[in-house]
C-alpha atoms as a PDB file:
ATOM      1  CA  MET A   1     -26.239 -71.499  93.208  1.00  0.00           C
ATOM      2  CA  ALA A   2     -24.215 -68.909  95.310  1.00  0.00           C
ATOM      3  CA  GLU A   3     -25.256 -65.661  95.837  1.00  0.00           C
ATOM      4  CA  LEU A   4     -23.060 -62.950  95.039  1.00  0.00           C
ATOM      5  CA  ILE A   5     -22.809 -59.806  96.713  1.00  0.00           C
ATOM      6  CA  LEU A   6     -20.067 -57.218  95.843  1.00  0.00           C
ATOM      7  CA  TYR A   7     -19.306 -54.354  98.716  1.00  0.00           C
ATOM      8  CA  SER A   8     -18.057 -51.057  96.959  1.00  0.00           C
ATOM      9  CA  ASN A   9     -18.469 -47.581  96.134  1.00  0.00           C
ATOM     10  CA  PRO A  10     -19.209 -45.825  92.762  1.00  0.00           C
ATOM     11  CA  MET A  11     -15.626 -43.953  93.204  1.00  0.00           C
ATOM     12  CA  SER A  12     -13.769 -46.973  94.426  1.00  0.00           C
ATOM     13  CA  ARG A  13     -11.925 -49.791  92.446  1.00  0.00           C
ATOM     14  CA  GLY A  14     -15.226 -51.758  92.674  1.00  0.00           C
ATOM     15  CA  ARG A  15     -16.296 -50.452  89.300  1.00  0.00           C
ATOM     16  CA  ILE A  16     -13.596 -52.761  88.563  1.00  0.00           C
ATOM     17  CA  ALA A  17     -14.861 -55.796  89.743  1.00  0.00           C
ATOM     18  CA  ARG A  18     -17.745 -54.637  88.606  1.00  0.00           C
ATOM     19  CA  TRP A  19     -17.268 -55.189  85.014  1.00  0.00           C
ATOM     20  CA  MET A  20     -15.791 -58.224  85.981  1.00  0.00           C
ATOM     21  CA  LEU A  21     -19.190 -59.258  87.142  1.00  0.00           C
ATOM     22  CA  GLU A  22     -20.670 -58.506  84.139  1.00  0.00           C
ATOM     23  CA  GLU A  23     -18.359 -60.012  81.603  1.00  0.00           C
ATOM     24  CA  VAL A  24     -18.732 -63.515  83.837  1.00  0.00           C
ATOM     25  CA  GLY A  25     -22.623 -62.399  83.366  1.00  0.00           C
ATOM     26  CA  GLN A  26     -24.030 -64.134  86.254  1.00  0.00           C
ATOM     27  CA  PRO A  27     -26.589 -62.334  88.677  1.00  0.00           C
ATOM     28  CA  TYR A  28     -25.396 -60.448  91.807  1.00  0.00           C
ATOM     29  CA  GLN A  29     -26.143 -57.437  93.896  1.00  0.00           C
ATOM     30  CA  VAL A  30     -24.206 -54.816  94.791  1.00  0.00           C
ATOM     31  CA  ARG A  31     -24.478 -52.630  98.445  1.00  0.00           C
ATOM     32  CA  TYR A  32     -22.895 -49.267  98.055  1.00  0.00           C
ATOM     33  CA  LEU A  33     -20.689 -48.268 101.671  1.00  0.00           C
ATOM     34  CA  ASP A  34     -20.102 -44.718 101.895  1.00  0.00           C
ATOM     35  CA  TYR A  35     -16.332 -43.985 102.622  1.00  0.00           C
ATOM     36  CA  GLY A  36     -15.845 -43.801 106.889  1.00  0.00           C
ATOM     37  CA  ALA A  37     -18.493 -44.849 108.849  1.00  0.00           C
ATOM     38  CA  GLN A  38     -19.496 -47.848 106.829  1.00  0.00           C
ATOM     39  CA  MET A  39     -17.132 -49.070 105.921  1.00  0.00           C
ATOM     40  CA  LYS A  40     -15.533 -49.057 109.000  1.00  0.00           C
ATOM     41  CA  ALA A  41     -18.302 -50.500 110.807  1.00  0.00           C
ATOM     42  CA  PRO A  42     -18.238 -54.154 113.140  1.00  0.00           C
ATOM     43  CA  GLU A  43     -20.444 -55.931 110.250  1.00  0.00           C
ATOM     44  CA  TYR A  44     -18.199 -54.557 107.503  1.00  0.00           C
ATOM     45  CA  LEU A  45     -14.779 -55.485 109.770  1.00  0.00           C
ATOM     46  CA  ALA A  46     -16.411 -58.602 109.532  1.00  0.00           C
ATOM     47  CA  ILE A  47     -16.177 -58.936 106.011  1.00  0.00           C
ATOM     48  CA  ASN A  48     -13.491 -56.561 105.285  1.00  0.00           C
ATOM     49  CA  PRO A  49     -11.215 -56.275 108.444  1.00  0.00           C
ATOM     50  CA  MET A  50      -9.260 -53.721 105.924  1.00  0.00           C
ATOM     51  CA  GLY A  51     -12.180 -51.437 105.939  1.00  0.00           C
ATOM     52  CA  LYS A  52     -12.481 -50.684 102.132  1.00  0.00           C
ATOM     53  CA  VAL A  53     -13.608 -52.047  98.860  1.00  0.00           C
ATOM     54  CA  PRO A  54     -14.250 -53.706  97.156  1.00  0.00           C
ATOM     55  CA  ALA A  55     -15.539 -57.232  98.616  1.00  0.00           C
ATOM     56  CA  LEU A  56     -17.262 -59.745  96.665  1.00  0.00           C
ATOM     57  CA  VAL A  57     -19.352 -62.359  99.229  1.00  0.00           C
ATOM     58  CA  HIS A  58     -20.100 -65.814  97.480  1.00  0.00           C
ATOM     59  CA  GLY A  59     -22.129 -67.693  99.320  1.00  0.00           C
ATOM     60  CA  ASP A  60     -19.562 -68.827 102.426  1.00  0.00           C
ATOM     61  CA  ARG A  61     -16.309 -66.786 100.654  1.00  0.00           C
ATOM     62  CA  VAL A  62     -14.742 -63.592 100.577  1.00  0.00           C
ATOM     63  CA  VAL A  63     -12.675 -62.047  98.092  1.00  0.00           C
ATOM     64  CA  THR A  64     -10.799 -58.715  98.590  1.00  0.00           C
ATOM     65  CA  GLU A  65      -8.813 -57.031  96.438  1.00  0.00           C
ATOM     66  CA  TYR A  66      -9.581 -56.177  92.833  1.00  0.00           C
ATOM     67  CA  ALA A  67      -7.504 -58.180  91.292  1.00  0.00           C
ATOM     68  CA  ALA A  68      -7.817 -61.096  92.994  1.00  0.00           C
ATOM     69  CA  ILE A  69     -11.968 -60.597  92.877  1.00  0.00           C
ATOM     70  CA  CYS A  70     -11.170 -60.581  88.829  1.00  0.00           C
ATOM     71  CA  ALA A  71      -8.914 -63.709  89.194  1.00  0.00           C
ATOM     72  CA  TYR A  72     -11.606 -65.363  91.545  1.00  0.00           C
ATOM     73  CA  LEU A  73     -14.921 -65.006  89.096  1.00  0.00           C
ATOM     74  CA  ALA A  74     -12.733 -66.027  85.964  1.00  0.00           C
ATOM     75  CA  ASP A  75     -11.828 -69.417  87.657  1.00  0.00           C
ATOM     76  CA  ALA A  76     -15.520 -69.775  89.091  1.00  0.00           C
ATOM     77  CA  PHE A  77     -17.202 -69.441  86.017  1.00  0.00           C
ATOM     78  CA  PRO A  78     -15.084 -70.612  83.667  1.00  0.00           C
ATOM     79  CA  GLU A  79     -17.628 -71.218  80.982  1.00  0.00           C
ATOM     80  CA  ALA A  80     -16.830 -66.790  80.117  1.00  0.00           C
ATOM     81  CA  GLY A  81     -13.636 -67.801  78.845  1.00  0.00           C
ATOM     82  CA  LEU A  82     -11.999 -64.966  80.662  1.00  0.00           C
ATOM     83  CA  ALA A  83      -9.148 -67.033  82.355  1.00  0.00           C
ATOM     84  CA  PRO A  84      -6.818 -69.096  78.869  1.00  0.00           C
ATOM     85  CA  ALA A  85      -5.830 -72.319  79.451  1.00  0.00           C
ATOM     86  CA  ASP A  86      -1.964 -71.068  79.399  1.00  0.00           C
ATOM     87  CA  ARG A  87      -2.208 -68.879  82.699  1.00  0.00           C
ATOM     88  CA  SER A  88       1.644 -68.226  82.198  1.00  0.00           C
ATOM     89  CA  ALA A  89       1.339 -63.881  80.278  1.00  0.00           C
ATOM     90  CA  TYR A  90      -2.163 -64.166  81.891  1.00  0.00           C
ATOM     91  CA  TYR A  91      -1.276 -64.030  85.751  1.00  0.00           C
ATOM     92  CA  ARG A  92       1.621 -61.829  84.634  1.00  0.00           C
ATOM     93  CA  TRP A  93      -0.633 -58.979  83.703  1.00  0.00           C
ATOM     94  CA  LEU A  94      -2.880 -59.720  85.695  1.00  0.00           C
ATOM     95  CA  PHE A  95      -0.701 -59.051  89.047  1.00  0.00           C
ATOM     96  CA  PHE A  96       1.140 -56.463  87.061  1.00  0.00           C
ATOM     97  CA  GLY A  97      -1.392 -54.412  87.679  1.00  0.00           C
ATOM     98  CA  ALA A  98      -2.232 -54.477  91.117  1.00  0.00           C
ATOM     99  CA  GLY A  99       1.284 -54.449  91.823  1.00  0.00           C
ATOM    100  CA  PRO A 100       4.525 -52.383  90.022  1.00  0.00           C
ATOM    101  CA  LEU A 101       2.004 -50.717  87.461  1.00  0.00           C
ATOM    102  CA  GLU A 102      -0.920 -48.720  90.792  1.00  0.00           C
ATOM    103  CA  ALA A 103       2.378 -48.309  92.727  1.00  0.00           C
ATOM    104  CA  ALA A 104       4.639 -45.990  90.391  1.00  0.00           C
ATOM    105  CA  ILE A 105       1.011 -44.267  88.789  1.00  0.00           C
ATOM    106  CA  ILE A 106      -0.270 -43.586  92.868  1.00  0.00           C
ATOM    107  CA  ASN A 107       3.550 -42.443  93.518  1.00  0.00           C
ATOM    108  CA  LYS A 108       3.277 -39.988  90.759  1.00  0.00           C
ATOM    109  CA  ALA A 109      -0.223 -38.941  91.545  1.00  0.00           C
ATOM    110  CA  LEU A 110       1.183 -38.617  95.165  1.00  0.00           C
ATOM    111  CA  GLY A 111       4.528 -36.117  93.757  1.00  0.00           C
ATOM    112  CA  PHE A 112       6.886 -39.188  95.547  1.00  0.00           C
ATOM    113  CA  THR A 113       9.543 -40.068  93.180  1.00  0.00           C
ATOM    114  CA  VAL A 114      11.579 -42.559  94.993  1.00  0.00           C
ATOM    115  CA  PRO A 115      15.496 -41.646  95.542  1.00  0.00           C
ATOM    116  CA  GLU A 116      17.688 -43.718  92.872  1.00  0.00           C
ATOM    117  CA  ASP A 117      19.418 -45.134  95.890  1.00  0.00           C
ATOM    118  CA  ARG A 118      16.399 -46.550  97.011  1.00  0.00           C
ATOM    119  CA  ARG A 119      14.756 -48.019  93.489  1.00  0.00           C
ATOM    120  CA  ALA A 120      15.798 -51.520  93.990  1.00  0.00           C
ATOM    121  CA  MET A 121      13.507 -51.475  97.452  1.00  0.00           C
ATOM    122  CA  VAL A 122      10.771 -50.758  95.589  1.00  0.00           C
ATOM    123  CA  GLY A 123       8.404 -53.239  93.663  1.00  0.00           C
ATOM    124  CA  PHE A 124       8.406 -50.943  90.061  1.00  0.00           C
ATOM    125  CA  GLY A 125      12.153 -49.101  90.330  1.00  0.00           C
ATOM    126  CA  THR A 126      10.573 -46.106  88.224  1.00  0.00           C
ATOM    127  CA  LEU A 127       7.816 -45.410  86.339  1.00  0.00           C
ATOM    128  CA  GLU A 128       9.452 -45.665  83.082  1.00  0.00           C
ATOM    129  CA  THR A 129      10.764 -48.887  83.574  1.00  0.00           C
ATOM    130  CA  THR A 130       7.148 -49.263  84.194  1.00  0.00           C
ATOM    131  CA  TYR A 131       5.544 -47.822  81.544  1.00  0.00           C
ATOM    132  CA  ALA A 132       8.464 -49.516  79.540  1.00  0.00           C
ATOM    133  CA  ALA A 133       7.506 -52.840  80.835  1.00  0.00           C
ATOM    134  CA  LEU A 134       3.382 -52.793  80.054  1.00  0.00           C
ATOM    135  CA  GLU A 135       4.052 -51.297  76.199  1.00  0.00           C
ATOM    136  CA  SER A 136       6.677 -53.730  75.195  1.00  0.00           C
ATOM    137  CA  GLN A 137       3.516 -56.512  76.167  1.00  0.00           C
ATOM    138  CA  LEU A 138       1.491 -54.399  74.000  1.00  0.00           C
ATOM    139  CA  ALA A 139       3.216 -53.626  71.183  1.00  0.00           C
ATOM    140  CA  ARG A 140       3.126 -57.778  70.555  1.00  0.00           C
ATOM    141  CA  THR A 141      -0.168 -58.534  71.090  1.00  0.00           C
ATOM    142  CA  PRO A 142      -3.052 -56.931  71.273  1.00  0.00           C
ATOM    143  CA  TYR A 143      -4.714 -58.217  74.539  1.00  0.00           C
ATOM    144  CA  LEU A 144      -2.615 -58.404  78.160  1.00  0.00           C
ATOM    145  CA  ALA A 145      -2.249 -62.615  78.104  1.00  0.00           C
ATOM    146  CA  GLY A 146      -2.227 -62.167  74.080  1.00  0.00           C
ATOM    147  CA  GLU A 147      -4.680 -62.821  71.273  1.00  0.00           C
ATOM    148  CA  ALA A 148      -7.836 -63.267  73.494  1.00  0.00           C
ATOM    149  CA  PHE A 149      -9.276 -61.157  76.077  1.00  0.00           C
ATOM    150  CA  SER A 150      -9.018 -62.223  79.456  1.00  0.00           C
ATOM    151  CA  ALA A 151      -9.592 -61.302  83.031  1.00  0.00           C
ATOM    152  CA  ALA A 152      -5.776 -59.042  83.130  1.00  0.00           C
ATOM    153  CA  ASP A 153      -7.847 -56.769  80.642  1.00  0.00           C
ATOM    154  CA  VAL A 154      -9.885 -56.089  82.957  1.00  0.00           C
ATOM    155  CA  ALA A 155      -8.192 -55.668  85.965  1.00  0.00           C
ATOM    156  CA  THR A 156      -4.692 -54.367  83.926  1.00  0.00           C
ATOM    157  CA  GLY A 157      -6.802 -52.375  81.705  1.00  0.00           C
ATOM    158  CA  SER A 158      -8.638 -50.293  84.060  1.00  0.00           C
ATOM    159  CA  GLN A 159      -6.139 -48.990  85.636  1.00  0.00           C
ATOM    160  CA  ILE A 160      -4.293 -48.328  81.705  1.00  0.00           C
ATOM    161  CA  GLY A 161      -7.806 -46.404  81.179  1.00  0.00           C
ATOM    162  CA  TYR A 162      -8.297 -44.671  84.596  1.00  0.00           C
ATOM    163  CA  GLY A 163      -4.647 -43.417  84.063  1.00  0.00           C
ATOM    164  CA  LEU A 164      -5.264 -42.360  80.449  1.00  0.00           C
ATOM    165  CA  GLN A 165      -8.600 -40.635  81.656  1.00  0.00           C
ATOM    166  CA  PHE A 166      -6.866 -38.859  85.106  1.00  0.00           C
ATOM    167  CA  GLY A 167      -3.852 -37.980  83.322  1.00  0.00           C
ATOM    168  CA  THR A 168      -1.335 -40.513  85.170  1.00  0.00           C
ATOM    169  CA  ILE A 169      -0.294 -42.943  82.395  1.00  0.00           C
ATOM    170  CA  GLU A 170       1.668 -41.238  79.583  1.00  0.00           C
ATOM    171  CA  ALA A 171      -1.000 -41.328  76.319  1.00  0.00           C
ATOM    172  CA  ARG A 172       1.503 -43.326  74.424  1.00  0.00           C
ATOM    173  CA  PRO A 173       0.341 -45.613  71.426  1.00  0.00           C
ATOM    174  CA  ALA A 174       0.499 -48.677  72.820  1.00  0.00           C
ATOM    175  CA  PHE A 175      -1.660 -46.988  75.791  1.00  0.00           C
ATOM    176  CA  THR A 176      -4.745 -45.356  74.028  1.00  0.00           C
ATOM    177  CA  ASP A 177      -4.458 -48.202  71.172  1.00  0.00           C
ATOM    178  CA  TYR A 178      -5.647 -50.505  73.492  1.00  0.00           C
ATOM    179  CA  TRP A 179      -8.095 -48.703  75.752  1.00  0.00           C
ATOM    180  CA  GLU A 180      -9.566 -48.132  72.475  1.00  0.00           C
ATOM    181  CA  ARG A 181      -9.899 -51.970  71.777  1.00  0.00           C
ATOM    182  CA  ILE A 182     -11.189 -52.276  75.221  1.00  0.00           C
ATOM    183  CA  LYS A 183     -13.885 -49.506  76.235  1.00  0.00           C
ATOM    184  CA  GLU A 184     -17.261 -50.039  74.549  1.00  0.00           C
ATOM    185  CA  ARG A 185     -16.878 -53.532  75.975  1.00  0.00           C
ATOM    186  CA  PRO A 186     -21.019 -54.168  76.363  1.00  0.00           C
ATOM    187  CA  ALA A 187     -19.327 -55.334  79.652  1.00  0.00           C
ATOM    188  CA  LEU A 188     -17.726 -52.168  80.859  1.00  0.00           C
ATOM    189  CA  LEU A 189     -20.315 -49.993  79.575  1.00  0.00           C
ATOM    190  CA  ARG A 190     -23.375 -51.686  81.456  1.00  0.00           C
ATOM    191  CA  ALA A 191     -20.888 -51.526  84.880  1.00  0.00           C
ATOM    192  CA  ASN A 192     -20.462 -48.025  84.599  1.00  0.00           C
ATOM    193  CA  ALA A 193     -23.596 -47.096  83.440  1.00  0.00           C
ATOM    194  CA  ALA A 194     -24.685 -48.725  87.138  1.00  0.00           C
ATOM    195  CA  ASP A 195     -21.666 -47.176  88.982  1.00  0.00           C
ATOM    196  CA  ASN A 196     -22.509 -43.715  86.809  1.00  0.00           C
ATOM    197  CA  ALA A 197     -26.232 -43.433  88.217  1.00  0.00           C
ATOM    198  CA  ALA A 198     -25.124 -44.360  91.856  1.00  0.00           C
ATOM    199  CA  MET A 199     -23.014 -41.305  92.011  1.00  0.00           C
ATOM    200  CA  LYS A 200     -25.423 -39.404  90.330  1.00  0.00           C
ATOM    201  CA  GLU A 201     -28.297 -40.377  92.889  1.00  0.00           C
ATOM    202  CA  LYS A 202     -26.052 -40.147  95.695  1.00  0.00           C
ATOM    203  CA  GLU A 203     -25.226 -36.204  93.876  1.00  0.00           C
ATOM    204  CA  ILE A 204     -21.514 -37.423  94.347  1.00  0.00           C
END
């Protein structure tokens, strides 16, 4: 079996990829990189020319971007049951988190408001529009892709959880109820415990 290696930092989106690795239940290694020199070193730039984490190496395959890593692992290990047969809602909400939702959240965190006459240029329009779209889905189904937990809940669910934790997402009932349903998953608890221990060891 090809080895799984995650390049990460405990203060990064690598936490999402680690949660997904715990969900699929396959052996893996984590190699932590510090921001700056290690991520910009030639050896790592050969893996990810963006010089950022996470990056997943699976044998001779390299996958970057947390949503792509989640989608890849769900397909690579179908026995984990994290990609539904009907991929329509699954793909929609898996990449909604990495696209409109993250862009809207980051803009808010940076204090940037898109001018009204430029909203058509950005992929989310407004933060309120983005919230409303996500809220409408979670009002219909317990999980983002329907009745069952999937990789979409790892990728986009993480964005919701972090947003609630750091105040970049409004604590609307649809969001808080949803996060309550997934925040105690054993795989997430294991991933968080490991990354938190790494933070403590590095005194981050």
